[in-house]
Amino acid sequence: MVENKLIAEFMGVDYVDVDTYLEDNKELQYHTSWDWLMPVLDKIKEMRCLPDDHDESFSWVCKSSDIEAEYNAVVEFIKQYNK
C-alpha cells in the first residue's frame, strides 16, 4: 500500500529496509495493527510544536478507537506535514 510506505518513510524507515521487509512478508501492517500504528501516533504527539497550519491535521489524530479511522487520520496528517 502506498500509504503504508508513506508512513514508513515518515517514521524514518529506509526504502531498502521496506523493500527487504516486503520480500519476506506480504505487507506493512500500519493499517491493521495497533502495535505498528501506535509508535506513529506517539511521534505525531511529540511533534505537537508544529506550525499552526498543521494543528488542524493533528486534531484529527488520536480521537478514535477505530484503527481504520486513526490510520486514515495519520495518512492525512503526513500528507499535510509533507507539504
N, C-alpha and C. Protein backbone atom coordinates (compact mmCIF):
# COMPACT_ATOMS: atom_id res chain seq x y z
N MET A 1 0.84 -1.19 0.00
CA MET A 1 0.00 0.00 0.00
C MET A 1 0.88 1.24 0.00
N VAL A 2 0.53 2.17 -0.84
CA VAL A 2 1.27 3.42 -0.95
C VAL A 2 1.26 4.18 0.38
N GLU A 3 0.12 4.19 1.05
CA GLU A 3 0.01 4.91 2.31
C GLU A 3 0.91 4.32 3.38
N ASN A 4 1.04 2.99 3.41
CA ASN A 4 1.92 2.37 4.39
C ASN A 4 3.37 2.74 4.14
N LYS A 5 3.75 2.84 2.86
CA LYS A 5 5.12 3.28 2.55
C LYS A 5 5.31 4.74 2.97
N LEU A 6 4.29 5.54 2.82
CA LEU A 6 4.34 6.94 3.25
C LEU A 6 4.59 7.01 4.76
N ILE A 7 3.88 6.19 5.51
CA ILE A 7 4.06 6.16 6.96
C ILE A 7 5.46 5.67 7.31
N ALA A 8 5.91 4.62 6.64
CA ALA A 8 7.25 4.08 6.91
C ALA A 8 8.32 5.15 6.67
N GLU A 9 8.17 5.91 5.60
CA GLU A 9 9.12 6.98 5.32
C GLU A 9 9.06 8.05 6.42
N PHE A 10 7.86 8.42 6.84
CA PHE A 10 7.68 9.40 7.91
C PHE A 10 8.38 8.92 9.19
N MET A 11 8.35 7.61 9.42
CA MET A 11 8.96 7.04 10.62
C MET A 11 10.47 6.85 10.46
N GLY A 12 10.99 7.19 9.29
CA GLY A 12 12.43 7.11 9.09
C GLY A 12 12.93 5.76 8.62
N VAL A 13 12.03 4.92 8.15
CA VAL A 13 12.44 3.62 7.63
C VAL A 13 12.96 3.81 6.21
N ASP A 14 14.13 3.32 5.94
CA ASP A 14 14.75 3.42 4.63
C ASP A 14 13.98 2.58 3.61
N TYR A 15 13.86 3.07 2.38
CA TYR A 15 13.15 2.32 1.33
C TYR A 15 13.74 0.92 1.15
N VAL A 16 15.05 0.81 1.25
CA VAL A 16 15.68 -0.50 1.11
C VAL A 16 15.17 -1.44 2.20
N ASP A 17 15.09 -0.93 3.43
CA ASP A 17 14.58 -1.74 4.53
C ASP A 17 13.13 -2.15 4.28
N VAL A 18 12.32 -1.23 3.78
CA VAL A 18 10.92 -1.53 3.49
C VAL A 18 10.83 -2.61 2.42
N ASP A 19 11.57 -2.45 1.35
CA ASP A 19 11.54 -3.44 0.27
C ASP A 19 12.02 -4.80 0.75
N THR A 20 13.07 -4.82 1.58
CA THR A 20 13.58 -6.07 2.14
C THR A 20 12.52 -6.71 3.02
N TYR A 21 11.85 -5.92 3.85
CA TYR A 21 10.79 -6.44 4.70
C TYR A 21 9.68 -7.05 3.85
N LEU A 22 9.30 -6.35 2.80
CA LEU A 22 8.19 -6.80 1.96
C LEU A 22 8.53 -8.07 1.18
N GLU A 23 9.82 -8.33 0.95
CA GLU A 23 10.20 -9.57 0.28
C GLU A 23 9.85 -10.78 1.15
N ASP A 24 9.99 -10.63 2.47
CA ASP A 24 9.74 -11.74 3.40
C ASP A 24 8.33 -11.75 3.95
N ASN A 25 7.64 -10.65 3.83
CA ASN A 25 6.30 -10.50 4.39
C ASN A 25 5.38 -9.93 3.32
N LYS A 26 4.12 -10.12 3.48
CA LYS A 26 3.17 -9.68 2.46
C LYS A 26 2.96 -8.16 2.45
N GLU A 27 2.95 -7.54 3.64
CA GLU A 27 2.62 -6.12 3.69
C GLU A 27 3.10 -5.46 4.97
N LEU A 28 3.26 -4.16 4.90
CA LEU A 28 3.42 -3.37 6.11
C LEU A 28 2.09 -3.38 6.82
N GLN A 29 2.09 -3.29 8.14
CA GLN A 29 0.86 -3.53 8.88
C GLN A 29 0.31 -2.31 9.62
N TYR A 30 0.70 -1.12 9.18
CA TYR A 30 0.20 0.09 9.86
C TYR A 30 -1.31 0.17 9.85
N HIS A 31 -1.95 -0.33 8.82
CA HIS A 31 -3.40 -0.22 8.67
C HIS A 31 -4.17 -1.29 9.43
N THR A 32 -3.49 -2.30 9.98
CA THR A 32 -4.19 -3.39 10.66
C THR A 32 -3.70 -3.67 12.07
N SER A 33 -2.60 -3.08 12.47
CA SER A 33 -2.01 -3.42 13.76
C SER A 33 -1.77 -2.18 14.62
N TRP A 34 -2.37 -2.19 15.81
CA TRP A 34 -2.12 -1.10 16.75
C TRP A 34 -0.65 -1.07 17.15
N ASP A 35 0.01 -2.23 17.20
CA ASP A 35 1.43 -2.28 17.55
C ASP A 35 2.27 -1.51 16.53
N TRP A 36 1.85 -1.50 15.29
CA TRP A 36 2.55 -0.74 14.26
C TRP A 36 2.14 0.73 14.28
N LEU A 37 0.87 0.99 14.49
CA LEU A 37 0.36 2.36 14.36
C LEU A 37 0.66 3.23 15.58
N MET A 38 0.69 2.64 16.77
CA MET A 38 0.89 3.44 17.98
C MET A 38 2.20 4.23 17.98
N PRO A 39 3.34 3.67 17.56
CA PRO A 39 4.55 4.49 17.51
C PRO A 39 4.42 5.70 16.58
N VAL A 40 3.64 5.55 15.54
CA VAL A 40 3.40 6.68 14.62
C VAL A 40 2.59 7.75 15.34
N LEU A 41 1.55 7.34 16.04
CA LEU A 41 0.74 8.28 16.81
C LEU A 41 1.59 8.97 17.87
N ASP A 42 2.47 8.21 18.52
CA ASP A 42 3.36 8.79 19.53
C ASP A 42 4.28 9.84 18.92
N LYS A 43 4.82 9.55 17.75
CA LYS A 43 5.70 10.51 17.08
C LYS A 43 4.94 11.79 16.74
N ILE A 44 3.72 11.64 16.26
CA ILE A 44 2.91 12.82 15.93
C ILE A 44 2.62 13.63 17.19
N LYS A 45 2.30 12.96 18.28
CA LYS A 45 2.06 13.68 19.55
C LYS A 45 3.29 14.45 19.99
N GLU A 46 4.48 13.85 19.82
CA GLU A 46 5.73 14.53 20.19
C GLU A 46 5.98 15.76 19.32
N MET A 47 5.43 15.78 18.13
CA MET A 47 5.62 16.89 17.20
C MET A 47 4.60 18.00 17.44
N ARG A 48 4.00 18.02 18.56
CA ARG A 48 2.92 18.97 18.86
C ARG A 48 3.33 20.42 18.64
N CYS A 49 4.61 20.68 18.65
CA CYS A 49 5.08 22.06 18.44
C CYS A 49 5.23 22.36 16.95
N LEU A 50 4.27 21.88 16.17
CA LEU A 50 4.24 22.14 14.73
C LEU A 50 3.75 23.55 14.45
N PRO A 51 4.06 24.07 13.27
CA PRO A 51 3.48 25.36 12.88
C PRO A 51 1.95 25.29 12.89
N ASP A 52 1.31 26.42 13.01
CA ASP A 52 -0.15 26.48 13.13
C ASP A 52 -0.88 25.77 12.00
N ASP A 53 -0.32 25.80 10.79
CA ASP A 53 -1.03 25.19 9.67
C ASP A 53 -1.13 23.67 9.78
N HIS A 54 -0.43 23.06 10.73
CA HIS A 54 -0.52 21.62 10.92
C HIS A 54 -1.44 21.25 12.09
N ASP A 55 -1.86 22.23 12.87
CA ASP A 55 -2.69 21.94 14.04
C ASP A 55 -3.99 21.26 13.67
N GLU A 56 -4.63 21.68 12.59
CA GLU A 56 -5.90 21.08 12.18
C GLU A 56 -5.71 19.61 11.83
N SER A 57 -4.66 19.30 11.11
CA SER A 57 -4.38 17.91 10.76
C SER A 57 -4.14 17.09 12.02
N PHE A 58 -3.40 17.65 12.94
CA PHE A 58 -3.09 16.92 14.17
C PHE A 58 -4.35 16.65 14.97
N SER A 59 -5.30 17.56 14.95
CA SER A 59 -6.51 17.39 15.75
C SER A 59 -7.34 16.19 15.29
N TRP A 60 -7.12 15.70 14.08
CA TRP A 60 -7.85 14.51 13.60
C TRP A 60 -7.31 13.24 14.22
N VAL A 61 -6.07 13.28 14.66
CA VAL A 61 -5.39 12.07 15.13
C VAL A 61 -5.71 11.81 16.59
N CYS A 62 -5.77 10.56 16.96
CA CYS A 62 -5.90 10.13 18.35
C CYS A 62 -7.27 10.41 18.95
N LYS A 63 -8.32 10.37 18.17
CA LYS A 63 -9.65 10.64 18.69
C LYS A 63 -10.57 9.44 18.56
N SER A 64 -10.05 8.30 18.13
CA SER A 64 -10.92 7.18 17.86
C SER A 64 -10.26 5.89 18.30
N SER A 65 -11.08 4.92 18.64
CA SER A 65 -10.54 3.59 18.93
C SER A 65 -10.63 2.70 17.69
N ASP A 66 -11.08 3.27 16.59
CA ASP A 66 -11.20 2.56 15.32
C ASP A 66 -9.88 2.69 14.56
N ILE A 67 -9.19 1.58 14.36
CA ILE A 67 -7.87 1.64 13.72
C ILE A 67 -7.94 2.20 12.30
N GLU A 68 -9.00 1.92 11.58
CA GLU A 68 -9.11 2.45 10.22
C GLU A 68 -9.21 3.97 10.24
N ALA A 69 -9.98 4.51 11.17
CA ALA A 69 -10.12 5.97 11.28
C ALA A 69 -8.79 6.60 11.69
N GLU A 70 -8.10 5.99 12.63
CA GLU A 70 -6.80 6.51 13.07
C GLU A 70 -5.78 6.45 11.93
N TYR A 71 -5.78 5.33 11.23
CA TYR A 71 -4.86 5.15 10.10
C TYR A 71 -5.09 6.24 9.06
N ASN A 72 -6.35 6.47 8.71
CA ASN A 72 -6.68 7.50 7.72
C ASN A 72 -6.26 8.88 8.20
N ALA A 73 -6.45 9.14 9.49
CA ALA A 73 -6.04 10.43 10.05
C ALA A 73 -4.52 10.59 9.99
N VAL A 74 -3.80 9.52 10.29
CA VAL A 74 -2.34 9.57 10.23
C VAL A 74 -1.87 9.83 8.80
N VAL A 75 -2.45 9.14 7.85
CA VAL A 75 -2.07 9.34 6.45
C VAL A 75 -2.33 10.78 6.03
N GLU A 76 -3.48 11.31 6.39
CA GLU A 76 -3.80 12.70 6.03
C GLU A 76 -2.84 13.67 6.72
N PHE A 77 -2.54 13.42 7.98
CA PHE A 77 -1.59 14.27 8.70
C PHE A 77 -0.24 14.29 7.99
N ILE A 78 0.27 13.11 7.63
CA ILE A 78 1.58 13.02 7.00
C ILE A 78 1.57 13.73 5.65
N LYS A 79 0.50 13.59 4.89
CA LYS A 79 0.41 14.28 3.60
C LYS A 79 0.46 15.78 3.81
N GLN A 80 -0.27 16.30 4.80
CA GLN A 80 -0.25 17.73 5.09
C GLN A 80 1.11 18.17 5.61
N TYR A 81 1.69 17.36 6.45
CA TYR A 81 3.01 17.66 7.02
C TYR A 81 4.08 17.75 5.93
N ASN A 82 3.99 16.86 4.96
CA ASN A 82 4.98 16.82 3.89
C ASN A 82 4.87 17.99 2.92
N LYS A 83 3.73 18.68 2.92
CA LYS A 83 3.57 19.85 2.04
C LYS A 83 4.46 20.92 2.56
